[in-house]
Amino acid sequence: MLNKSLVSIDQCTKADILRIIGNAARFEARPNRDLLRGRVVATLFFEPSTRTRLSFETSVNRLGGRVIGFQDASTTSSTKGETLKDTILMVSNYADVIIMRHYLEGAVRYASEVTDVPLINAGDGANQHPSQTLLDLYSIQKTQGRLDNLTVTMVGDLKYGRTVHSLIVGLSHFHPTFHFVAPRELSMPEEQKQFCRAHNIAFHEHTVFSEEIINQTDILYMTRVQRERFTDPMEYERVKNVYILHRRMLDGSRENLRVLHPLPRVNEISYDVDDSPKAYYIQQARNGLFTREAIICDVLGIEVDD
């Protein structure tokens, strides 16, 4: 068991990952369990969220726990000047586990260092999103029947995309091959490429989103260009619609190919893809419920049986 804060996916060993996604499968088979009776979970969302917040809160409810917290930091004492440290110390008086999203990179790690209450990182700036990575890995395992030796193509905002940064680390245990497709302004940062080199992970960089690349792919991971990460509006306008996936682009793809997306989407996946059997992003979001049930139990050291 982790039995501690989940701040970054690089905390997780291969055994941790396989245990958590194995428990996610158990929760998918039986999501309603009375494992959090008497426990209180705080959800602190300093940055907007729909799927992550709702799936975490649904997870707590389905496990018999109670939820406190906020989804709008403007309603909290932070607007009066309360520091993040004091906010975390106060909430630690009330909750058994804290789930936190913050717009600053490293904020969740800092919070985990000032309290003994376990924290789960629900996204910190452009840095990490470990619960998304674990649900992505569960989705990949479900659709491919394995995690090993897959070709994964990541498309779009690879510079600011915390989901792709985390997924590279999560998949590093399973011998992937990556294709990174992005405009130069949004290319994969050197830190992530150096990680691949250090772990002998093959990767290829492209600026053109072609069917040739799609046709050699097992998992096509689309991302949106994140307006909120740009300081220059003109730069955002230049790149916001640079890659759009249309259904016809999947015609020559492998039978096992599945299209994933952490959502929300803007224009990067055409609506004609939705009815394709290779579209998996809605089911992927549903998998977040079961995976986050598993994560909450893991950080609290709660055993999950069949």
C-alpha atoms as a PDB file:
ATOM      1  CA  MET A   1       0.000   0.000   0.000  1.00  0.00           C
ATOM      2  CA  LEU A   2       1.078   3.550  -0.607  1.00  0.00           C
ATOM      3  CA  ASN A   3      -0.500   4.598   2.728  1.00  0.00           C
ATOM      4  CA  LYS A   4       0.819   8.117   2.131  1.00  0.00           C
ATOM      5  CA  SER A   5       0.260  11.119  -0.098  1.00  0.00           C
ATOM      6  CA  LEU A   6       0.058  10.626  -3.874  1.00  0.00           C
ATOM      7  CA  VAL A   7       1.801  13.739  -5.157  1.00  0.00           C
ATOM      8  CA  SER A   8       3.533  12.472  -8.285  1.00  0.00           C
ATOM      9  CA  ILE A   9       3.254   9.386 -10.447  1.00  0.00           C
ATOM     10  CA  ASP A  10       6.991   8.781 -10.015  1.00  0.00           C
ATOM     11  CA  GLN A  11       6.225   7.718  -6.432  1.00  0.00           C
ATOM     12  CA  CYS A  12       4.502   4.650  -7.850  1.00  0.00           C
ATOM     13  CA  THR A  13       6.471   1.509  -8.545  1.00  0.00           C
ATOM     14  CA  LYS A  14       5.337  -0.901 -11.215  1.00  0.00           C
ATOM     15  CA  ALA A  15       3.820  -3.018  -8.435  1.00  0.00           C
ATOM     16  CA  ASP A  16       1.923   0.029  -7.092  1.00  0.00           C
ATOM     17  CA  ILE A  17       0.482   0.752 -10.536  1.00  0.00           C
ATOM     18  CA  LEU A  18      -0.606  -2.834 -11.121  1.00  0.00           C
ATOM     19  CA  ARG A  19      -2.144  -3.038  -7.644  1.00  0.00           C
ATOM     20  CA  ILE A  20      -4.126   0.177  -8.070  1.00  0.00           C
ATOM     21  CA  ILE A  21      -5.467  -0.640 -11.524  1.00  0.00           C
ATOM     22  CA  GLY A  22      -6.239  -4.156 -10.302  1.00  0.00           C
ATOM     23  CA  ASN A  23      -8.307  -2.639  -7.503  1.00  0.00           C
ATOM     24  CA  ALA A  24      -9.948  -0.300 -10.032  1.00  0.00           C
ATOM     25  CA  ALA A  25     -11.207  -3.422 -11.833  1.00  0.00           C
ATOM     26  CA  ARG A  26     -12.600  -4.712  -8.535  1.00  0.00           C
ATOM     27  CA  PHE A  27     -14.422  -1.426  -8.005  1.00  0.00           C
ATOM     28  CA  GLU A  28     -15.771  -1.482 -11.542  1.00  0.00           C
ATOM     29  CA  ALA A  29     -17.277  -4.887 -10.774  1.00  0.00           C
ATOM     30  CA  ARG A  30     -18.688  -3.609  -7.466  1.00  0.00           C
ATOM     31  CA  PRO A  31     -18.399   0.188  -7.027  1.00  0.00           C
ATOM     32  CA  ASN A  32     -20.609   0.546  -3.933  1.00  0.00           C
ATOM     33  CA  ARG A  33     -18.742  -0.546  -0.804  1.00  0.00           C
ATOM     34  CA  ASP A  34     -18.827   0.658   2.772  1.00  0.00           C
ATOM     35  CA  LEU A  35     -15.069   1.208   3.091  1.00  0.00           C
ATOM     36  CA  LEU A  36     -15.050   4.908   4.073  1.00  0.00           C
ATOM     37  CA  ARG A  37     -17.779   4.877   6.730  1.00  0.00           C
ATOM     38  CA  GLY A  38     -16.857   7.452   9.355  1.00  0.00           C
ATOM     39  CA  ARG A  39     -14.191   9.047   7.123  1.00  0.00           C
ATOM     40  CA  VAL A  40     -14.210  12.631   5.845  1.00  0.00           C
ATOM     41  CA  VAL A  41     -12.524  13.616   2.576  1.00  0.00           C
ATOM     42  CA  ALA A  42     -11.746  17.263   1.764  1.00  0.00           C
ATOM     43  CA  THR A  43     -11.709  18.390  -1.878  1.00  0.00           C
ATOM     44  CA  LEU A  44      -9.791  21.647  -2.286  1.00  0.00           C
ATOM     45  CA  PHE A  45     -10.010  22.903  -5.860  1.00  0.00           C
ATOM     46  CA  PHE A  46      -8.127  26.164  -6.363  1.00  0.00           C
ATOM     47  CA  GLU A  47      -8.497  25.660 -10.134  1.00  0.00           C
ATOM     48  CA  PRO A  48     -11.643  24.710 -12.123  1.00  0.00           C
ATOM     49  CA  SER A  49     -12.508  21.066 -12.643  1.00  0.00           C
ATOM     50  CA  THR A  50     -15.481  18.986 -13.732  1.00  0.00           C
ATOM     51  CA  ARG A  51     -14.522  15.325 -14.228  1.00  0.00           C
ATOM     52  CA  THR A  52     -11.750  15.124 -11.641  1.00  0.00           C
ATOM     53  CA  ARG A  53     -13.719  16.775  -8.846  1.00  0.00           C
ATOM     54  CA  LEU A  54     -16.999  15.009  -9.549  1.00  0.00           C
ATOM     55  CA  SER A  55     -15.399  11.592  -9.947  1.00  0.00           C
ATOM     56  CA  PHE A  56     -13.462  11.977  -6.692  1.00  0.00           C
ATOM     57  CA  GLU A  57     -16.588  13.130  -4.849  1.00  0.00           C
ATOM     58  CA  THR A  58     -18.650  10.319  -6.367  1.00  0.00           C
ATOM     59  CA  SER A  59     -15.945   7.870  -5.324  1.00  0.00           C
ATOM     60  CA  VAL A  60     -16.190   9.015  -1.718  1.00  0.00           C
ATOM     61  CA  ASN A  61     -19.982   8.806  -1.775  1.00  0.00           C
ATOM     62  CA  ARG A  62     -19.971   5.319  -3.285  1.00  0.00           C
ATOM     63  CA  LEU A  63     -17.542   4.206  -0.581  1.00  0.00           C
ATOM     64  CA  GLY A  64     -19.752   5.534   2.217  1.00  0.00           C
ATOM     65  CA  GLY A  65     -17.653   8.567   3.205  1.00  0.00           C
ATOM     66  CA  ARG A  66     -18.441  12.259   3.538  1.00  0.00           C
ATOM     67  CA  VAL A  67     -17.121  15.138   1.419  1.00  0.00           C
ATOM     68  CA  ILE A  68     -16.256  18.664   2.520  1.00  0.00           C
ATOM     69  CA  GLY A  69     -14.386  21.352   0.615  1.00  0.00           C
ATOM     70  CA  PHE A  70     -14.724  23.936  -2.127  1.00  0.00           C
ATOM     71  CA  GLN A  71     -14.636  24.270  -5.898  1.00  0.00           C
ATOM     72  CA  ASP A  72     -14.134  28.034  -5.957  1.00  0.00           C
ATOM     73  CA  ALA A  73     -11.198  29.449  -4.019  1.00  0.00           C
ATOM     74  CA  SER A  74     -12.772  32.922  -4.167  1.00  0.00           C
ATOM     75  CA  THR A  75     -15.214  31.768  -1.484  1.00  0.00           C
ATOM     76  CA  THR A  76     -12.431  30.829   0.946  1.00  0.00           C
ATOM     77  CA  SER A  77     -10.210  32.738   3.358  1.00  0.00           C
ATOM     78  CA  SER A  78      -7.418  32.745   0.771  1.00  0.00           C
ATOM     79  CA  THR A  79      -9.088  35.894  -0.557  1.00  0.00           C
ATOM     80  CA  LYS A  80      -8.404  37.447   2.848  1.00  0.00           C
ATOM     81  CA  GLY A  81      -4.733  36.600   2.615  1.00  0.00           C
ATOM     82  CA  GLU A  82      -4.688  33.208   4.332  1.00  0.00           C
ATOM     83  CA  THR A  83      -1.604  31.275   3.232  1.00  0.00           C
ATOM     84  CA  LEU A  84      -1.759  27.842   1.644  1.00  0.00           C
ATOM     85  CA  LYS A  85       0.040  26.457   4.677  1.00  0.00           C
ATOM     86  CA  ASP A  86      -2.610  27.749   7.054  1.00  0.00           C
ATOM     87  CA  THR A  87      -5.425  26.526   4.807  1.00  0.00           C
ATOM     88  CA  ILE A  88      -3.950  23.024   4.765  1.00  0.00           C
ATOM     89  CA  LEU A  89      -3.348  22.992   8.524  1.00  0.00           C
ATOM     90  CA  MET A  90      -6.922  24.079   9.182  1.00  0.00           C
ATOM     91  CA  VAL A  91      -8.459  21.529   6.821  1.00  0.00           C
ATOM     92  CA  SER A  92      -6.236  18.829   8.331  1.00  0.00           C
ATOM     93  CA  ASN A  93      -8.189  19.279  11.554  1.00  0.00           C
ATOM     94  CA  TYR A  94     -11.351  18.113   9.809  1.00  0.00           C
ATOM     95  CA  ALA A  95     -10.425  15.537   7.167  1.00  0.00           C
ATOM     96  CA  ASP A  96      -8.845  12.087   6.892  1.00  0.00           C
ATOM     97  CA  VAL A  97      -7.545  12.728   3.374  1.00  0.00           C
ATOM     98  CA  ILE A  98      -7.214  15.890   1.251  1.00  0.00           C
ATOM     99  CA  ILE A  99      -7.690  15.939  -2.534  1.00  0.00           C
ATOM    100  CA  MET A 100      -6.216  19.123  -3.968  1.00  0.00           C
ATOM    101  CA  ARG A 101      -5.942  20.857  -7.335  1.00  0.00           C
ATOM    102  CA  HIS A 102      -3.865  24.014  -7.593  1.00  0.00           C
ATOM    103  CA  TYR A 103      -2.715  26.318 -10.374  1.00  0.00           C
ATOM    104  CA  LEU A 104       0.881  26.469  -9.076  1.00  0.00           C
ATOM    105  CA  GLU A 105       3.381  23.735  -9.860  1.00  0.00           C
ATOM    106  CA  GLY A 106       4.637  22.119  -6.670  1.00  0.00           C
ATOM    107  CA  ALA A 107       1.781  23.397  -4.501  1.00  0.00           C
ATOM    108  CA  VAL A 108       0.524  19.911  -3.642  1.00  0.00           C
ATOM    109  CA  ARG A 109       4.008  18.681  -2.749  1.00  0.00           C
ATOM    110  CA  TYR A 110       4.429  21.678  -0.468  1.00  0.00           C
ATOM    111  CA  ALA A 111       1.034  21.017   1.128  1.00  0.00           C
ATOM    112  CA  SER A 112       1.961  17.371   1.730  1.00  0.00           C
ATOM    113  CA  GLU A 113       5.042  18.504   3.643  1.00  0.00           C
ATOM    114  CA  VAL A 114       3.131  20.617   6.168  1.00  0.00           C
ATOM    115  CA  THR A 115       0.559  18.006   7.251  1.00  0.00           C
ATOM    116  CA  ASP A 116       0.416  14.349   8.255  1.00  0.00           C
ATOM    117  CA  VAL A 117      -2.969  13.940   6.538  1.00  0.00           C
ATOM    118  CA  PRO A 118      -2.549  12.127   3.184  1.00  0.00           C
ATOM    119  CA  LEU A 119      -2.897  14.336   0.096  1.00  0.00           C
ATOM    120  CA  ILE A 120      -3.872  13.308  -3.410  1.00  0.00           C
ATOM    121  CA  ASN A 121      -2.704  15.535  -6.249  1.00  0.00           C
ATOM    122  CA  ALA A 122      -5.649  16.343  -8.532  1.00  0.00           C
ATOM    123  CA  GLY A 123      -3.411  18.458 -10.795  1.00  0.00           C
ATOM    124  CA  ASP A 124      -0.858  21.176 -10.070  1.00  0.00           C
ATOM    125  CA  GLY A 125      -0.276  23.673 -12.856  1.00  0.00           C
ATOM    126  CA  ALA A 126       1.477  22.145 -15.857  1.00  0.00           C
ATOM    127  CA  ASN A 127       3.307  19.700 -13.620  1.00  0.00           C
ATOM    128  CA  GLN A 128       1.589  16.448 -12.576  1.00  0.00           C
ATOM    129  CA  HIS A 129      -1.814  14.748 -12.624  1.00  0.00           C
ATOM    130  CA  PRO A 130      -1.151  11.285 -11.152  1.00  0.00           C
ATOM    131  CA  SER A 131      -4.771  10.173 -10.700  1.00  0.00           C
ATOM    132  CA  GLN A 132      -5.390  10.920 -14.395  1.00  0.00           C
ATOM    133  CA  THR A 133      -2.340   8.837 -15.256  1.00  0.00           C
ATOM    134  CA  LEU A 134      -3.602   5.878 -13.255  1.00  0.00           C
ATOM    135  CA  LEU A 135      -7.037   6.033 -14.889  1.00  0.00           C
ATOM    136  CA  ASP A 136      -5.307   6.335 -18.276  1.00  0.00           C
ATOM    137  CA  LEU A 137      -3.263   3.231 -17.502  1.00  0.00           C
ATOM    138  CA  TYR A 138      -6.409   1.389 -16.438  1.00  0.00           C
ATOM    139  CA  SER A 139      -8.080   2.466 -19.701  1.00  0.00           C
ATOM    140  CA  ILE A 140      -5.097   1.295 -21.736  1.00  0.00           C
ATOM    141  CA  GLN A 141      -5.015  -2.040 -19.923  1.00  0.00           C
ATOM    142  CA  LYS A 142      -8.745  -2.524 -20.540  1.00  0.00           C
ATOM    143  CA  THR A 143      -8.625  -1.689 -24.244  1.00  0.00           C
ATOM    144  CA  GLN A 144      -5.344  -3.374 -25.151  1.00  0.00           C
ATOM    145  CA  GLY A 145      -5.292  -6.304 -22.747  1.00  0.00           C
ATOM    146  CA  ARG A 146      -1.773  -5.302 -21.743  1.00  0.00           C
ATOM    147  CA  LEU A 147       0.452  -2.357 -20.888  1.00  0.00           C
ATOM    148  CA  ASP A 148       3.723  -3.667 -22.311  1.00  0.00           C
ATOM    149  CA  ASN A 149       5.282  -2.772 -25.666  1.00  0.00           C
ATOM    150  CA  LEU A 150       2.640  -0.345 -26.930  1.00  0.00           C
ATOM    151  CA  THR A 151       3.063   2.543 -29.352  1.00  0.00           C
ATOM    152  CA  VAL A 152       1.519   5.677 -27.877  1.00  0.00           C
ATOM    153  CA  THR A 153       1.080   8.870 -29.900  1.00  0.00           C
ATOM    154  CA  MET A 154       0.566  12.098 -27.956  1.00  0.00           C
ATOM    155  CA  VAL A 155      -0.897  15.019 -29.900  1.00  0.00           C
ATOM    156  CA  GLY A 156      -1.365  18.716 -29.161  1.00  0.00           C
ATOM    157  CA  ASP A 157      -0.197  20.687 -26.168  1.00  0.00           C
ATOM    158  CA  LEU A 158       2.784  18.698 -24.973  1.00  0.00           C
ATOM    159  CA  LYS A 159       4.522  21.670 -23.378  1.00  0.00           C
ATOM    160  CA  TYR A 160       1.906  22.499 -20.733  1.00  0.00           C
ATOM    161  CA  GLY A 161       0.045  19.173 -20.718  1.00  0.00           C
ATOM    162  CA  ARG A 162       0.448  17.715 -17.231  1.00  0.00           C
ATOM    163  CA  THR A 163      -1.459  14.595 -18.261  1.00  0.00           C
ATOM    164  CA  VAL A 164       1.080  13.634 -20.936  1.00  0.00           C
ATOM    165  CA  HIS A 165       4.018  14.460 -18.672  1.00  0.00           C
ATOM    166  CA  SER A 166       2.651  12.102 -16.023  1.00  0.00           C
ATOM    167  CA  LEU A 167       1.707   9.403 -18.521  1.00  0.00           C
ATOM    168  CA  ILE A 168       5.273   9.203 -19.827  1.00  0.00           C
ATOM    169  CA  VAL A 169       6.440   8.374 -16.305  1.00  0.00           C
ATOM    170  CA  GLY A 170       3.614   5.924 -15.674  1.00  0.00           C
ATOM    171  CA  LEU A 171       4.249   4.012 -18.902  1.00  0.00           C
ATOM    172  CA  SER A 172       8.024   3.970 -18.407  1.00  0.00           C
ATOM    173  CA  HIS A 173       7.710   0.639 -16.561  1.00  0.00           C
ATOM    174  CA  PHE A 174       6.182  -1.034 -19.625  1.00  0.00           C
ATOM    175  CA  HIS A 175       8.589  -0.496 -22.567  1.00  0.00           C
ATOM    176  CA  PRO A 176       6.530   1.960 -24.668  1.00  0.00           C
ATOM    177  CA  THR A 177       7.397   3.701 -27.914  1.00  0.00           C
ATOM    178  CA  PHE A 178       6.222   7.317 -28.070  1.00  0.00           C
ATOM    179  CA  HIS A 179       5.373   9.645 -30.930  1.00  0.00           C
ATOM    180  CA  PHE A 180       5.163  13.295 -29.869  1.00  0.00           C
ATOM    181  CA  VAL A 181       3.120  15.435 -32.282  1.00  0.00           C
ATOM    182  CA  ALA A 182       3.120  19.151 -31.503  1.00  0.00           C
ATOM    183  CA  PRO A 183       3.879  22.547 -33.006  1.00  0.00           C
ATOM    184  CA  ARG A 184       7.317  23.794 -32.040  1.00  0.00           C
ATOM    185  CA  GLU A 185       5.800  26.279 -29.596  1.00  0.00           C
ATOM    186  CA  LEU A 186       4.150  23.403 -27.696  1.00  0.00           C
ATOM    187  CA  SER A 187       6.711  20.628 -28.121  1.00  0.00           C
ATOM    188  CA  MET A 188       7.504  18.149 -25.370  1.00  0.00           C
ATOM    189  CA  PRO A 189       9.821  19.822 -22.829  1.00  0.00           C
ATOM    190  CA  GLU A 190      13.437  18.741 -22.643  1.00  0.00           C
ATOM    191  CA  GLU A 191      12.915  17.397 -19.127  1.00  0.00           C
ATOM    192  CA  GLN A 192      10.481  14.742 -20.358  1.00  0.00           C
ATOM    193  CA  LYS A 193      12.652  13.872 -23.365  1.00  0.00           C
ATOM    194  CA  GLN A 194      15.672  13.482 -21.105  1.00  0.00           C
ATOM    195  CA  PHE A 195      13.598  11.186 -18.895  1.00  0.00           C
ATOM    196  CA  CYS A 196      12.902   9.001 -21.937  1.00  0.00           C
ATOM    197  CA  ARG A 197      16.586   8.894 -22.850  1.00  0.00           C
ATOM    198  CA  ALA A 198      17.579   7.997 -19.285  1.00  0.00           C
ATOM    199  CA  HIS A 199      15.090   5.106 -19.283  1.00  0.00           C
ATOM    200  CA  ASN A 200      15.898   3.889 -22.819  1.00  0.00           C
ATOM    201  CA  ILE A 201      12.422   4.757 -24.080  1.00  0.00           C
ATOM    202  CA  ALA A 202      12.163   5.280 -27.829  1.00  0.00           C
ATOM    203  CA  PHE A 203      10.473   8.496 -28.922  1.00  0.00           C
ATOM    204  CA  HIS A 204       9.979  10.377 -32.178  1.00  0.00           C
ATOM    205  CA  GLU A 205       9.012  14.036 -32.599  1.00  0.00           C
ATOM    206  CA  HIS A 206       6.732  15.369 -35.349  1.00  0.00           C
ATOM    207  CA  THR A 207       5.146  18.676 -36.254  1.00  0.00           C
ATOM    208  CA  VAL A 208       2.769  17.125 -38.817  1.00  0.00           C
ATOM    209  CA  PHE A 209      -0.225  15.062 -37.624  1.00  0.00           C
ATOM    210  CA  SER A 210      -0.416  12.443 -40.357  1.00  0.00           C
ATOM    211  CA  GLU A 211      -2.341   9.242 -40.990  1.00  0.00           C
ATOM    212  CA  GLU A 212       1.000   7.510 -41.410  1.00  0.00           C
ATOM    213  CA  ILE A 213       1.704   8.114 -37.722  1.00  0.00           C
ATOM    214  CA  ILE A 214      -1.844   7.175 -36.687  1.00  0.00           C
ATOM    215  CA  ASN A 215      -1.607   3.885 -38.580  1.00  0.00           C
ATOM    216  CA  GLN A 216       1.332   2.670 -36.475  1.00  0.00           C
ATOM    217  CA  THR A 217      -0.298   3.627 -33.176  1.00  0.00           C
ATOM    218  CA  ASP A 218      -2.024   1.600 -30.461  1.00  0.00           C
ATOM    219  CA  ILE A 219      -3.101   4.517 -28.252  1.00  0.00           C
ATOM    220  CA  LEU A 220      -3.808   7.931 -29.764  1.00  0.00           C
ATOM    221  CA  TYR A 221      -3.766  10.411 -26.886  1.00  0.00           C
ATOM    222  CA  MET A 222      -5.254  13.750 -27.932  1.00  0.00           C
ATOM    223  CA  THR A 223      -4.949  16.907 -25.815  1.00  0.00           C
ATOM    224  CA  ARG A 224      -6.443  20.369 -26.017  1.00  0.00           C
ATOM    225  CA  VAL A 225      -4.385  23.513 -26.347  1.00  0.00           C
ATOM    226  CA  GLN A 226      -4.826  25.062 -22.910  1.00  0.00           C
ATOM    227  CA  ARG A 227      -5.770  28.709 -23.188  1.00  0.00           C
ATOM    228  CA  GLU A 228      -5.266  29.227 -19.444  1.00  0.00           C
ATOM    229  CA  ARG A 229      -1.543  28.372 -19.665  1.00  0.00           C
ATOM    230  CA  PHE A 230      -0.745  31.081 -22.223  1.00  0.00           C
ATOM    231  CA  THR A 231       0.470  34.530 -21.258  1.00  0.00           C
ATOM    232  CA  ASP A 232       0.383  35.681 -24.898  1.00  0.00           C
ATOM    233  CA  PRO A 233      -3.144  35.514 -26.442  1.00  0.00           C
ATOM    234  CA  MET A 234      -1.697  35.778 -29.951  1.00  0.00           C
ATOM    235  CA  GLU A 235       0.432  32.680 -29.400  1.00  0.00           C
ATOM    236  CA  TYR A 236      -2.700  30.787 -28.321  1.00  0.00           C
ATOM    237  CA  GLU A 237      -4.604  31.915 -31.430  1.00  0.00           C
ATOM    238  CA  ARG A 238      -1.767  30.686 -33.670  1.00  0.00           C
ATOM    239  CA  VAL A 239      -1.808  27.128 -32.336  1.00  0.00           C
ATOM    240  CA  LYS A 240      -5.303  26.462 -30.931  1.00  0.00           C
ATOM    241  CA  ASN A 241      -6.645  24.538 -33.969  1.00  0.00           C
ATOM    242  CA  VAL A 242      -3.408  23.221 -35.426  1.00  0.00           C
ATOM    243  CA  TYR A 243      -4.393  19.524 -35.101  1.00  0.00           C
ATOM    244  CA  ILE A 244      -7.916  18.164 -35.473  1.00  0.00           C
ATOM    245  CA  LEU A 245      -8.735  14.451 -35.573  1.00  0.00           C
ATOM    246  CA  HIS A 246     -11.464  13.517 -38.069  1.00  0.00           C
ATOM    247  CA  ARG A 247     -13.041  10.071 -38.342  1.00  0.00           C
ATOM    248  CA  ARG A 248     -11.725   9.475 -41.854  1.00  0.00           C
ATOM    249  CA  MET A 249      -8.181   9.721 -40.454  1.00  0.00           C
ATOM    250  CA  LEU A 250      -8.796   6.459 -38.567  1.00  0.00           C
ATOM    251  CA  ASP A 251      -9.729   4.452 -41.675  1.00  0.00           C
ATOM    252  CA  GLY A 252      -6.347   2.745 -42.021  1.00  0.00           C
ATOM    253  CA  SER A 253      -5.585   2.448 -38.324  1.00  0.00           C
ATOM    254  CA  ARG A 254      -5.045  -0.734 -36.338  1.00  0.00           C
ATOM    255  CA  GLU A 255      -8.127  -2.575 -35.088  1.00  0.00           C
ATOM    256  CA  ASN A 256      -6.935  -2.222 -31.504  1.00  0.00           C
ATOM    257  CA  LEU A 257      -6.320   1.552 -31.737  1.00  0.00           C
ATOM    258  CA  ARG A 258      -8.232   3.595 -29.180  1.00  0.00           C
ATOM    259  CA  VAL A 259      -8.510   7.375 -28.986  1.00  0.00           C
ATOM    260  CA  LEU A 260      -8.033   8.801 -25.500  1.00  0.00           C
ATOM    261  CA  HIS A 261      -8.380  12.377 -24.276  1.00  0.00           C
ATOM    262  CA  PRO A 262      -8.218  13.701 -20.682  1.00  0.00           C
ATOM    263  CA  LEU A 263     -11.023  16.158 -21.546  1.00  0.00           C
ATOM    264  CA  PRO A 264     -12.436  18.724 -21.852  1.00  0.00           C
ATOM    265  CA  ARG A 265     -12.030  18.867 -25.612  1.00  0.00           C
ATOM    266  CA  VAL A 266     -12.367  22.029 -27.644  1.00  0.00           C
ATOM    267  CA  ASN A 267     -11.860  21.472 -31.399  1.00  0.00           C
ATOM    268  CA  GLU A 268      -9.144  18.815 -31.460  1.00  0.00           C
ATOM    269  CA  ILE A 269     -11.511  15.838 -31.887  1.00  0.00           C
ATOM    270  CA  SER A 270     -14.258  16.245 -34.454  1.00  0.00           C
ATOM    271  CA  TYR A 271     -17.703  15.113 -33.309  1.00  0.00           C
ATOM    272  CA  ASP A 272     -17.821  12.586 -36.143  1.00  0.00           C
ATOM    273  CA  VAL A 273     -15.231  10.554 -34.195  1.00  0.00           C
ATOM    274  CA  ASP A 274     -17.631  10.036 -31.283  1.00  0.00           C
ATOM    275  CA  ASP A 275     -19.510   7.175 -32.961  1.00  0.00           C
ATOM    276  CA  SER A 276     -16.351   5.340 -33.957  1.00  0.00           C
ATOM    277  CA  PRO A 277     -15.684   2.111 -32.028  1.00  0.00           C
ATOM    278  CA  LYS A 278     -12.155   3.428 -31.627  1.00  0.00           C
ATOM    279  CA  ALA A 279     -13.293   6.469 -29.614  1.00  0.00           C
ATOM    280  CA  TYR A 280     -12.761   5.738 -25.931  1.00  0.00           C
ATOM    281  CA  TYR A 281     -12.600   9.116 -24.167  1.00  0.00           C
ATOM    282  CA  ILE A 282     -16.090   8.962 -22.634  1.00  0.00           C
ATOM    283  CA  GLN A 283     -15.442   5.489 -21.209  1.00  0.00           C
ATOM    284  CA  GLN A 284     -12.014   6.733 -20.126  1.00  0.00           C
ATOM    285  CA  ALA A 285     -13.664   9.434 -17.997  1.00  0.00           C
ATOM    286  CA  ARG A 286     -15.972   6.809 -16.474  1.00  0.00           C
ATOM    287  CA  ASN A 287     -12.929   4.739 -15.538  1.00  0.00           C
ATOM    288  CA  GLY A 288     -11.840   7.682 -13.403  1.00  0.00           C
ATOM    289  CA  LEU A 289     -14.494   6.801 -10.832  1.00  0.00           C
ATOM    290  CA  PHE A 290     -13.174   3.279 -10.243  1.00  0.00           C
ATOM    291  CA  THR A 291      -9.531   4.298 -10.337  1.00  0.00           C
ATOM    292  CA  ARG A 292     -10.051   7.115  -7.854  1.00  0.00           C
ATOM    293  CA  GLU A 293     -11.889   4.774  -5.494  1.00  0.00           C
ATOM    294  CA  ALA A 294      -8.779   2.598  -5.638  1.00  0.00           C
ATOM    295  CA  ILE A 295      -6.432   5.558  -5.057  1.00  0.00           C
ATOM    296  CA  ILE A 296      -8.331   6.836  -2.012  1.00  0.00           C
ATOM    297  CA  CYS A 297      -8.269   3.395  -0.430  1.00  0.00           C
ATOM    298  CA  ASP A 298      -4.590   3.006  -1.260  1.00  0.00           C
ATOM    299  CA  VAL A 299      -3.421   6.198   0.416  1.00  0.00           C
ATOM    300  CA  LEU A 300      -5.508   5.316   3.490  1.00  0.00           C
ATOM    301  CA  GLY A 301      -4.133   1.763   3.618  1.00  0.00           C
ATOM    302  CA  ILE A 302      -7.550   0.166   3.145  1.00  0.00           C
ATOM    303  CA  GLU A 303      -7.538  -3.369   1.730  1.00  0.00           C
ATOM    304  CA  VAL A 304      -9.796  -4.052  -1.253  1.00  0.00           C
ATOM    305  CA  ASP A 305     -11.115  -7.558  -1.779  1.00  0.00           C
ATOM    306  CA  ASP A 306     -13.116  -9.141  -4.556  1.00  0.00           C
END
